[in-house]
C-alpha atoms as a PDB file:
ATOM      1  CA  MET A   1       0.380  -0.312  -0.126  1.00  0.00           C
ATOM      2  CA  ASN A   2       1.743   3.751  -1.165  1.00  0.00           C
ATOM      3  CA  ALA A   3       1.644   6.428   1.636  1.00  0.00           C
ATOM      4  CA  THR A   4       0.012   9.518   0.991  1.00  0.00           C
ATOM      5  CA  ILE A   5       2.751  11.925  -0.159  1.00  0.00           C
ATOM      6  CA  SER A   6       1.268  15.892  -0.041  1.00  0.00           C
ATOM      7  CA  ILE A   7       3.828  18.775  -2.229  1.00  0.00           C
ATOM      8  CA  ASN A   8       3.944  22.287  -1.150  1.00  0.00           C
ATOM      9  CA  ASN A   9       6.418  25.508  -1.382  1.00  0.00           C
ATOM     10  CA  GLU A  10       8.989  23.883   1.042  1.00  0.00           C
ATOM     11  CA  ARG A  11       8.761  20.593   1.789  1.00  0.00           C
ATOM     12  CA  PRO A  12       6.912  17.634   0.620  1.00  0.00           C
ATOM     13  CA  THR A  13       5.073  15.745   3.569  1.00  0.00           C
ATOM     14  CA  VAL A  14       4.164  12.239   3.625  1.00  0.00           C
ATOM     15  CA  THR A  15       1.128  10.829   5.519  1.00  0.00           C
ATOM     16  CA  ALA A  16       1.874   7.244   6.404  1.00  0.00           C
ATOM     17  CA  PRO A  17      -0.998   4.666   6.284  1.00  0.00           C
ATOM     18  CA  MET A  18      -3.325   3.583   8.668  1.00  0.00           C
ATOM     19  CA  ARG A  19      -2.194   0.901  10.402  1.00  0.00           C
ATOM     20  CA  ILE A  20      -3.566  -2.774  10.993  1.00  0.00           C
ATOM     21  CA  GLN A  21      -3.774  -4.199  14.131  1.00  0.00           C
ATOM     22  CA  TYR A  22      -4.084  -8.128  14.454  1.00  0.00           C
ATOM     23  CA  HIS A  23      -5.401  -9.269  18.057  1.00  0.00           C
ATOM     24  CA  LYS A  24      -6.978 -12.523  19.816  1.00  0.00           C
ATOM     25  CA  ALA A  25      -9.438 -12.443  21.725  1.00  0.00           C
ATOM     26  CA  ASP A  26     -10.939 -15.194  24.355  1.00  0.00           C
ATOM     27  CA  VAL A  27     -14.550 -15.192  23.633  1.00  0.00           C
ATOM     28  CA  ASP A  28     -16.285 -18.229  26.071  1.00  0.00           C
ATOM     29  CA  GLY A  29     -12.617 -20.279  26.028  1.00  0.00           C
ATOM     30  CA  ILE A  30     -12.109 -19.660  22.063  1.00  0.00           C
ATOM     31  CA  ASP A  31      -9.793 -17.581  20.300  1.00  0.00           C
ATOM     32  CA  VAL A  32     -10.908 -15.163  17.727  1.00  0.00           C
ATOM     33  CA  PHE A  33      -8.995 -13.890  15.838  1.00  0.00           C
ATOM     34  CA  TYR A  34      -9.872  -9.782  14.409  1.00  0.00           C
ATOM     35  CA  ARG A  35      -8.018  -6.981  12.758  1.00  0.00           C
ATOM     36  CA  ASP A  36      -8.594  -3.239  14.462  1.00  0.00           C
ATOM     37  CA  ALA A  37      -7.816  -0.577  12.130  1.00  0.00           C
ATOM     38  CA  GLY A  38      -8.357   3.415  13.149  1.00  0.00           C
ATOM     39  CA  PRO A  39      -9.169   5.823  15.702  1.00  0.00           C
ATOM     40  CA  LEU A  40     -10.281   4.394  19.096  1.00  0.00           C
ATOM     41  CA  ASP A  41     -13.444   7.327  19.705  1.00  0.00           C
ATOM     42  CA  ALA A  42     -14.041   7.449  15.934  1.00  0.00           C
ATOM     43  CA  PRO A  43     -17.367   5.327  15.063  1.00  0.00           C
ATOM     44  CA  VAL A  44     -17.058   1.853  14.374  1.00  0.00           C
ATOM     45  CA  LEU A  45     -17.420  -0.473  11.559  1.00  0.00           C
ATOM     46  CA  LEU A  46     -17.907  -3.692  11.434  1.00  0.00           C
ATOM     47  CA  LEU A  47     -16.779  -6.001   8.432  1.00  0.00           C
ATOM     48  CA  LEU A  48     -18.010  -9.307   8.464  1.00  0.00           C
ATOM     49  CA  HIS A  49     -16.811 -11.788   5.755  1.00  0.00           C
ATOM     50  CA  GLY A  50     -18.091 -14.418   3.551  1.00  0.00           C
ATOM     51  CA  PHE A  51     -17.300 -18.252   2.765  1.00  0.00           C
ATOM     52  CA  PRO A  52     -14.612 -19.444   2.349  1.00  0.00           C
ATOM     53  CA  THR A  53     -13.038 -16.902   3.090  1.00  0.00           C
ATOM     54  CA  SER A  54     -11.892 -15.060   6.396  1.00  0.00           C
ATOM     55  CA  SER A  55     -11.507 -10.699   7.793  1.00  0.00           C
ATOM     56  CA  HIS A  56      -8.621 -11.586   4.943  1.00  0.00           C
ATOM     57  CA  MET A  57     -10.613  -9.908   2.064  1.00  0.00           C
ATOM     58  CA  PHE A  58     -10.159  -6.980   3.452  1.00  0.00           C
ATOM     59  CA  ARG A  59      -7.187  -6.165   3.912  1.00  0.00           C
ATOM     60  CA  ASN A  60      -7.579  -3.360   1.912  1.00  0.00           C
ATOM     61  CA  LEU A  61     -10.578  -2.069   2.351  1.00  0.00           C
ATOM     62  CA  ILE A  62      -9.764  -1.890   5.561  1.00  0.00           C
ATOM     63  CA  PRO A  63      -7.064   0.981   5.817  1.00  0.00           C
ATOM     64  CA  GLN A  64      -9.241   3.104   2.892  1.00  0.00           C
ATOM     65  CA  LEU A  65     -12.265   3.241   6.012  1.00  0.00           C
ATOM     66  CA  ALA A  66      -9.607   3.483   8.627  1.00  0.00           C
ATOM     67  CA  ASP A  67      -8.792   7.164   8.328  1.00  0.00           C
ATOM     68  CA  LYS A  68     -12.554   8.216   9.568  1.00  0.00           C
ATOM     69  CA  TYR A  69     -14.073   4.958  10.918  1.00  0.00           C
ATOM     70  CA  ARG A  70     -12.646   2.015  13.831  1.00  0.00           C
ATOM     71  CA  VAL A  71     -13.108  -0.986  11.714  1.00  0.00           C
ATOM     72  CA  ILE A  72     -13.080  -4.354  13.321  1.00  0.00           C
ATOM     73  CA  ALA A  73     -12.951  -7.185  11.184  1.00  0.00           C
ATOM     74  CA  PRO A  74     -13.089 -10.624  13.184  1.00  0.00           C
ATOM     75  CA  ASP A  75     -12.607 -13.809  11.656  1.00  0.00           C
ATOM     76  CA  TYR A  76     -15.408 -16.367  12.645  1.00  0.00           C
ATOM     77  CA  PRO A  77     -13.810 -19.652  14.755  1.00  0.00           C
ATOM     78  CA  GLY A  78     -13.527 -22.456  11.525  1.00  0.00           C
ATOM     79  CA  PHE A  79     -12.302 -19.697   9.935  1.00  0.00           C
ATOM     80  CA  GLY A  80      -9.191 -17.302   9.175  1.00  0.00           C
ATOM     81  CA  GLN A  81      -6.853 -17.487  12.606  1.00  0.00           C
ATOM     82  CA  SER A  82      -9.183 -17.983  14.676  1.00  0.00           C
ATOM     83  CA  ALA A  83      -9.878 -20.758  16.555  1.00  0.00           C
ATOM     84  CA  MET A  84     -11.090 -24.647  15.021  1.00  0.00           C
ATOM     85  CA  PRO A  85     -12.748 -26.348  18.262  1.00  0.00           C
ATOM     86  CA  GLU A  86     -13.499 -29.719  17.620  1.00  0.00           C
ATOM     87  CA  ARG A  87     -17.891 -29.984  16.787  1.00  0.00           C
ATOM     88  CA  SER A  88     -18.158 -31.526  19.542  1.00  0.00           C
ATOM     89  CA  GLU A  89     -17.371 -28.845  21.736  1.00  0.00           C
ATOM     90  CA  PHE A  90     -18.629 -26.137  19.593  1.00  0.00           C
ATOM     91  CA  ALA A  91     -21.869 -26.091  17.514  1.00  0.00           C
ATOM     92  CA  TYR A  92     -21.161 -24.303  14.273  1.00  0.00           C
ATOM     93  CA  THR A  93     -24.302 -22.118  13.564  1.00  0.00           C
ATOM     94  CA  PHE A  94     -24.945 -18.520  12.562  1.00  0.00           C
ATOM     95  CA  ASP A  95     -26.699 -18.172  16.147  1.00  0.00           C
ATOM     96  CA  ASN A  96     -23.391 -19.094  17.530  1.00  0.00           C
ATOM     97  CA  TYR A  97     -21.331 -16.999  15.577  1.00  0.00           C
ATOM     98  CA  ALA A  98     -23.980 -13.998  16.163  1.00  0.00           C
ATOM     99  CA  GLN A  99     -23.051 -15.022  20.250  1.00  0.00           C
ATOM    100  CA  VAL A 100     -19.551 -14.755  19.782  1.00  0.00           C
ATOM    101  CA  ILE A 101     -19.779 -11.461  17.489  1.00  0.00           C
ATOM    102  CA  ASP A 102     -21.668 -10.044  19.764  1.00  0.00           C
ATOM    103  CA  LYS A 103     -19.507 -10.846  23.137  1.00  0.00           C
ATOM    104  CA  LEU A 104     -16.655  -9.791  20.587  1.00  0.00           C
ATOM    105  CA  LEU A 105     -17.632  -6.594  20.726  1.00  0.00           C
ATOM    106  CA  GLY A 106     -18.953  -6.149  24.323  1.00  0.00           C
ATOM    107  CA  GLN A 107     -15.327  -6.765  25.371  1.00  0.00           C
ATOM    108  CA  LEU A 108     -13.903  -3.778  22.579  1.00  0.00           C
ATOM    109  CA  GLY A 109     -16.207  -1.531  23.217  1.00  0.00           C
ATOM    110  CA  ALA A 110     -18.475  -1.795  20.453  1.00  0.00           C
ATOM    111  CA  ASN A 111     -21.705  -0.491  21.740  1.00  0.00           C
ATOM    112  CA  ARG A 112     -23.074   0.716  18.678  1.00  0.00           C
ATOM    113  CA  TYR A 113     -21.534   0.023  15.501  1.00  0.00           C
ATOM    114  CA  ALA A 114     -22.434  -0.158  11.421  1.00  0.00           C
ATOM    115  CA  LEU A 115     -22.351  -3.084  10.128  1.00  0.00           C
ATOM    116  CA  TYR A 116     -20.826  -4.877   6.578  1.00  0.00           C
ATOM    117  CA  VAL A 117     -21.874  -7.827   6.122  1.00  0.00           C
ATOM    118  CA  MET A 118     -21.207 -10.026   2.845  1.00  0.00           C
ATOM    119  CA  ASP A 119     -22.522 -13.421   2.510  1.00  0.00           C
ATOM    120  CA  TYR A 120     -21.672 -15.521   5.491  1.00  0.00           C
ATOM    121  CA  GLY A 121     -22.004 -12.672   7.239  1.00  0.00           C
ATOM    122  CA  ALA A 122     -25.851 -11.442   6.342  1.00  0.00           C
ATOM    123  CA  PRO A 123     -27.046 -14.222   8.306  1.00  0.00           C
ATOM    124  CA  ILE A 124     -25.089 -13.414  11.605  1.00  0.00           C
ATOM    125  CA  GLY A 125     -24.708  -9.499  10.677  1.00  0.00           C
ATOM    126  CA  PHE A 126     -29.129 -10.144  10.405  1.00  0.00           C
ATOM    127  CA  ARG A 127     -28.696 -11.917  13.738  1.00  0.00           C
ATOM    128  CA  LEU A 128     -27.060  -9.155  15.728  1.00  0.00           C
ATOM    129  CA  ALA A 129     -28.993  -6.318  13.893  1.00  0.00           C
ATOM    130  CA  ALA A 130     -32.510  -8.738  15.131  1.00  0.00           C
ATOM    131  CA  LYS A 131     -31.196  -8.702  18.772  1.00  0.00           C
ATOM    132  CA  ASN A 132     -30.359  -5.116  19.274  1.00  0.00           C
ATOM    133  CA  PRO A 133     -31.520  -2.888  16.806  1.00  0.00           C
ATOM    134  CA  GLU A 134     -30.704   0.073  18.734  1.00  0.00           C
ATOM    135  CA  LYS A 135     -27.031  -0.747  18.187  1.00  0.00           C
ATOM    136  CA  ILE A 136     -27.236  -0.808  15.053  1.00  0.00           C
ATOM    137  CA  THR A 137     -26.152   2.718  12.940  1.00  0.00           C
ATOM    138  CA  ALA A 138     -25.984   1.667   9.135  1.00  0.00           C
ATOM    139  CA  LEU A 139     -26.636  -2.236   7.921  1.00  0.00           C
ATOM    140  CA  ILE A 140     -24.630  -2.770   4.100  1.00  0.00           C
ATOM    141  CA  VAL A 141     -24.798  -5.800   2.816  1.00  0.00           C
ATOM    142  CA  GLN A 142     -22.962  -7.427  -0.537  1.00  0.00           C
ATOM    143  CA  ASN A 143     -24.483 -10.497  -2.122  1.00  0.00           C
ATOM    144  CA  GLY A 144     -26.434 -11.663   1.360  1.00  0.00           C
ATOM    145  CA  ASN A 145     -29.076 -13.826   0.475  1.00  0.00           C
ATOM    146  CA  ALA A 146     -32.227 -12.869   2.531  1.00  0.00           C
ATOM    147  CA  TYR A 147     -35.153 -13.648  -0.411  1.00  0.00           C
ATOM    148  CA  ASN A 148     -35.830 -16.612  -1.978  1.00  0.00           C
ATOM    149  CA  GLU A 149     -34.259 -14.510  -4.778  1.00  0.00           C
ATOM    150  CA  GLY A 150     -31.044 -15.372  -4.116  1.00  0.00           C
ATOM    151  CA  ILE A 151     -31.661 -18.789  -3.491  1.00  0.00           C
ATOM    152  CA  GLU A 152     -32.590 -19.980  -6.741  1.00  0.00           C
ATOM    153  CA  GLN A 153     -30.962 -22.926  -9.380  1.00  0.00           C
ATOM    154  CA  PHE A 154     -27.409 -22.649  -8.073  1.00  0.00           C
ATOM    155  CA  TRP A 155     -28.427 -23.340  -4.652  1.00  0.00           C
ATOM    156  CA  ASP A 156     -30.665 -26.682  -5.492  1.00  0.00           C
ATOM    157  CA  PRO A 157     -28.282 -29.017  -4.521  1.00  0.00           C
ATOM    158  CA  ILE A 158     -28.017 -27.735  -1.530  1.00  0.00           C
ATOM    159  CA  LYS A 159     -31.704 -26.905  -1.173  1.00  0.00           C
ATOM    160  CA  ALA A 160     -31.601 -31.215  -1.517  1.00  0.00           C
ATOM    161  CA  TYR A 161     -29.456 -31.005   1.775  1.00  0.00           C
ATOM    162  CA  TRP A 162     -31.660 -28.848   3.531  1.00  0.00           C
ATOM    163  CA  ARG A 163     -34.190 -30.781   2.798  1.00  0.00           C
ATOM    164  CA  THR A 164     -33.370 -34.027   3.779  1.00  0.00           C
ATOM    165  CA  GLY A 165     -29.979 -33.613   5.867  1.00  0.00           C
ATOM    166  CA  GLY A 166     -29.068 -37.410   4.071  1.00  0.00           C
ATOM    167  CA  SER A 167     -25.316 -38.080   4.194  1.00  0.00           C
ATOM    168  CA  THR A 168     -26.195 -38.732   0.089  1.00  0.00           C
ATOM    169  CA  GLU A 169     -26.995 -35.720  -0.625  1.00  0.00           C
ATOM    170  CA  ARG A 170     -24.428 -33.750   1.837  1.00  0.00           C
ATOM    171  CA  GLU A 171     -21.602 -35.814   0.055  1.00  0.00           C
ATOM    172  CA  ALA A 172     -23.394 -33.872  -3.277  1.00  0.00           C
ATOM    173  CA  ILE A 173     -22.260 -30.242  -1.619  1.00  0.00           C
ATOM    174  CA  ARG A 174     -18.627 -31.836  -1.160  1.00  0.00           C
ATOM    175  CA  TRP A 175     -16.790 -30.254  -4.077  1.00  0.00           C
ATOM    176  CA  LEU A 176     -17.665 -26.377  -3.011  1.00  0.00           C
ATOM    177  CA  THR A 177     -15.086 -27.327  -0.614  1.00  0.00           C
ATOM    178  CA  SER A 178     -12.184 -27.694  -3.187  1.00  0.00           C
ATOM    179  CA  ILE A 179     -10.202 -26.042  -4.642  1.00  0.00           C
ATOM    180  CA  LYS A 180     -12.073 -26.061  -8.183  1.00  0.00           C
ATOM    181  CA  ALA A 181     -15.040 -24.035  -5.842  1.00  0.00           C
ATOM    182  CA  THR A 182     -13.141 -21.804  -3.721  1.00  0.00           C
ATOM    183  CA  LYS A 183     -10.918 -20.435  -7.307  1.00  0.00           C
ATOM    184  CA  TRP A 184     -14.374 -20.222  -8.899  1.00  0.00           C
ATOM    185  CA  GLN A 185     -15.012 -17.539  -6.362  1.00  0.00           C
ATOM    186  CA  TYR A 186     -12.751 -15.391  -7.321  1.00  0.00           C
ATOM    187  CA  THR A 187     -12.675 -15.638 -10.672  1.00  0.00           C
ATOM    188  CA  ASN A 188     -16.280 -16.446 -12.662  1.00  0.00           C
ATOM    189  CA  GLY A 189     -17.402 -14.127 -14.567  1.00  0.00           C
ATOM    190  CA  VAL A 190     -14.102 -12.017 -13.949  1.00  0.00           C
ATOM    191  CA  LYS A 191     -12.967 -10.631 -17.762  1.00  0.00           C
ATOM    192  CA  ASP A 192      -8.893 -10.476 -17.039  1.00  0.00           C
ATOM    193  CA  LEU A 193      -7.791 -13.140 -14.921  1.00  0.00           C
ATOM    194  CA  SER A 194      -4.371 -11.292 -14.278  1.00  0.00           C
ATOM    195  CA  LEU A 195      -6.164  -8.871 -12.032  1.00  0.00           C
ATOM    196  CA  VAL A 196      -6.938 -11.443  -9.135  1.00  0.00           C
ATOM    197  CA  SER A 197      -4.486 -12.531  -7.290  1.00  0.00           C
ATOM    198  CA  PRO A 198      -3.850 -17.151  -7.237  1.00  0.00           C
ATOM    199  CA  ASP A 199      -2.742 -15.963  -3.297  1.00  0.00           C
ATOM    200  CA  THR A 200      -6.862 -15.522  -2.684  1.00  0.00           C
ATOM    201  CA  TRP A 201      -7.812 -18.587  -3.124  1.00  0.00           C
ATOM    202  CA  THR A 202      -4.708 -20.619  -2.488  1.00  0.00           C
ATOM    203  CA  LEU A 203      -4.554 -19.532   1.112  1.00  0.00           C
ATOM    204  CA  ASP A 204      -8.659 -19.327   1.242  1.00  0.00           C
ATOM    205  CA  GLN A 205      -8.216 -23.164   0.510  1.00  0.00           C
ATOM    206  CA  ALA A 206      -5.437 -24.127   2.978  1.00  0.00           C
ATOM    207  CA  LEU A 207      -7.414 -23.464   5.924  1.00  0.00           C
ATOM    208  CA  LEU A 208     -10.616 -25.084   4.307  1.00  0.00           C
ATOM    209  CA  ASP A 209      -7.608 -28.311   3.960  1.00  0.00           C
ATOM    210  CA  ARG A 210      -6.995 -28.385   7.548  1.00  0.00           C
ATOM    211  CA  PRO A 211      -8.257 -31.707   9.099  1.00  0.00           C
ATOM    212  CA  GLY A 212     -11.993 -31.468  10.223  1.00  0.00           C
ATOM    213  CA  ASN A 213     -13.066 -28.148   8.201  1.00  0.00           C
ATOM    214  CA  ALA A 214     -14.643 -29.592   5.251  1.00  0.00           C
ATOM    215  CA  GLU A 215     -17.434 -31.040   7.873  1.00  0.00           C
ATOM    216  CA  ILE A 216     -17.512 -27.231   9.638  1.00  0.00           C
ATOM    217  CA  GLN A 217     -18.313 -25.925   6.327  1.00  0.00           C
ATOM    218  CA  LEU A 218     -20.810 -28.724   5.564  1.00  0.00           C
ATOM    219  CA  ASP A 219     -22.416 -28.317   8.384  1.00  0.00           C
ATOM    220  CA  LEU A 220     -22.953 -24.470   8.227  1.00  0.00           C
ATOM    221  CA  PHE A 221     -24.845 -25.115   4.419  1.00  0.00           C
ATOM    222  CA  PRO A 222     -27.811 -26.035   6.244  1.00  0.00           C
ATOM    223  CA  GLU A 223     -28.388 -23.279   8.373  1.00  0.00           C
ATOM    224  CA  TRP A 224     -29.387 -21.020   5.763  1.00  0.00           C
ATOM    225  CA  ILE A 225     -33.067 -22.406   6.311  1.00  0.00           C
ATOM    226  CA  PRO A 226     -33.938 -20.198   8.770  1.00  0.00           C
ATOM    227  CA  LEU A 227     -33.042 -17.121   7.774  1.00  0.00           C
ATOM    228  CA  THR A 228     -35.545 -16.039   5.599  1.00  0.00           C
ATOM    229  CA  SER A 229     -38.303 -15.827   8.614  1.00  0.00           C
ATOM    230  CA  LEU A 230     -35.168 -13.989  10.405  1.00  0.00           C
ATOM    231  CA  VAL A 231     -34.983 -11.340   7.959  1.00  0.00           C
ATOM    232  CA  LEU A 232     -39.115 -10.903   7.431  1.00  0.00           C
ATOM    233  CA  GLY A 233     -39.134  -9.800  11.389  1.00  0.00           C
ATOM    234  CA  PHE A 234     -35.757  -7.546  10.827  1.00  0.00           C
ATOM    235  CA  ASP A 235     -38.399  -6.406   7.697  1.00  0.00           C
ATOM    236  CA  LEU A 236     -40.687  -4.749  10.499  1.00  0.00           C
ATOM    237  CA  GLN A 237     -38.188  -3.230  12.251  1.00  0.00           C
ATOM    238  CA  CYS A 238     -37.385  -1.483   9.453  1.00  0.00           C
ATOM    239  CA  GLU A 239     -40.740  -0.359   8.805  1.00  0.00           C
ATOM    240  CA  ASN A 240     -41.476   1.013  12.286  1.00  0.00           C
ATOM    241  CA  ARG A 241     -38.016   2.895  11.912  1.00  0.00           C
ATOM    242  CA  GLN A 242     -37.303   6.169  10.698  1.00  0.00           C
ATOM    243  CA  PRO A 243     -33.293   6.239  10.691  1.00  0.00           C
ATOM    244  CA  ASP A 244     -31.875   9.545  11.217  1.00  0.00           C
ATOM    245  CA  ASP A 245     -29.940  10.593   7.270  1.00  0.00           C
ATOM    246  CA  GLU A 246     -26.609   8.745   9.172  1.00  0.00           C
ATOM    247  CA  GLU A 247     -28.713   5.007   9.867  1.00  0.00           C
ATOM    248  CA  LEU A 248     -30.089   3.880   6.165  1.00  0.00           C
ATOM    249  CA  PRO A 249     -29.955   0.345   5.866  1.00  0.00           C
ATOM    250  CA  VAL A 250     -28.010   0.293   2.187  1.00  0.00           C
ATOM    251  CA  ALA A 251     -28.923  -2.995   0.254  1.00  0.00           C
ATOM    252  CA  THR A 252     -28.190  -4.214  -3.194  1.00  0.00           C
ATOM    253  CA  ASN A 253     -31.437  -5.174  -5.364  1.00  0.00           C
ATOM    254  CA  THR A 254     -33.475  -7.371  -4.263  1.00  0.00           C
ATOM    255  CA  GLU A 255     -32.081  -7.423  -0.648  1.00  0.00           C
ATOM    256  CA  ALA A 256     -33.626  -3.614  -0.150  1.00  0.00           C
ATOM    257  CA  THR A 257     -37.603  -5.614  -0.280  1.00  0.00           C
ATOM    258  CA  GLY A 258     -39.263  -4.317   1.929  1.00  0.00           C
ATOM    259  CA  TRP A 259     -37.042  -1.918   3.592  1.00  0.00           C
ATOM    260  CA  PRO A 260     -38.601   1.280   2.431  1.00  0.00           C
ATOM    261  CA  HIS A 261     -35.783   3.211   4.093  1.00  0.00           C
ATOM    262  CA  ALA A 262     -32.902   1.599   2.012  1.00  0.00           C
ATOM    263  CA  VAL A 263     -30.362   3.201  -0.165  1.00  0.00           C
ATOM    264  CA  VAL A 264     -29.993   0.610  -3.018  1.00  0.00           C
ATOM    265  CA  SER A 265     -27.222   0.410  -4.395  1.00  0.00           C
ATOM    266  CA  ASP A 266     -27.443  -1.595  -8.522  1.00  0.00           C
ATOM    267  CA  PRO A 267     -23.442  -2.634  -8.422  1.00  0.00           C
ATOM    268  CA  ALA A 268     -24.361  -3.024 -12.610  1.00  0.00           C
ATOM    269  CA  SER A 269     -24.386   0.974 -12.943  1.00  0.00           C
END
């Protein structure tokens, strides 16, 4: 990352890039890794990552925001640099993830915050918002499936696993933890592949390939089932609460359905 250089008639001044700190916190006996940057007294922005990555996905975004915000980006248990407890010791569910993140924020003194949710960050972030809407100053949704429109044909094999929970259906989606699927996450639809660093999918896959991690990921896929009803409940909160100018829910495309005050950003425009 380049520093900012300002030139005047006397001598150039160099503004150092924002530094990111890397920490671990003990949350109910689990080491939870998080990135932290920006002034401690600045408005808090919580970045929640998706599958199959970690807070590493925000490594370039954080410095661009940390001059105005305190940016906190955690890794969920079983992801990134956070601990990966045995499945017999920790239930890998979005409910539990939301509880872990909520307790982490309590430890960090983040009592009000804006939410930036991506993919898996959506079912976690929506739970945080539904539980404590008074803590949420803004909601930014990127590729966060919340309605049936977002889980159509591609999701059919996963839906089959939702319906049965059977071993055959579970094995049919195991390929989603493979290097082929992980690379596809980064390259599908990209016109110039030379612009995509292979470090991205290589790092993600190395963590997915840890013994037992694939089973954790397969446990999480059915967790999308109750999300629609959760979001509908959150919709009612949005409809009943007129946000301030700085508290507008932000959504893209169909995720904005039912949120009358949302600022809709279409990534295709």
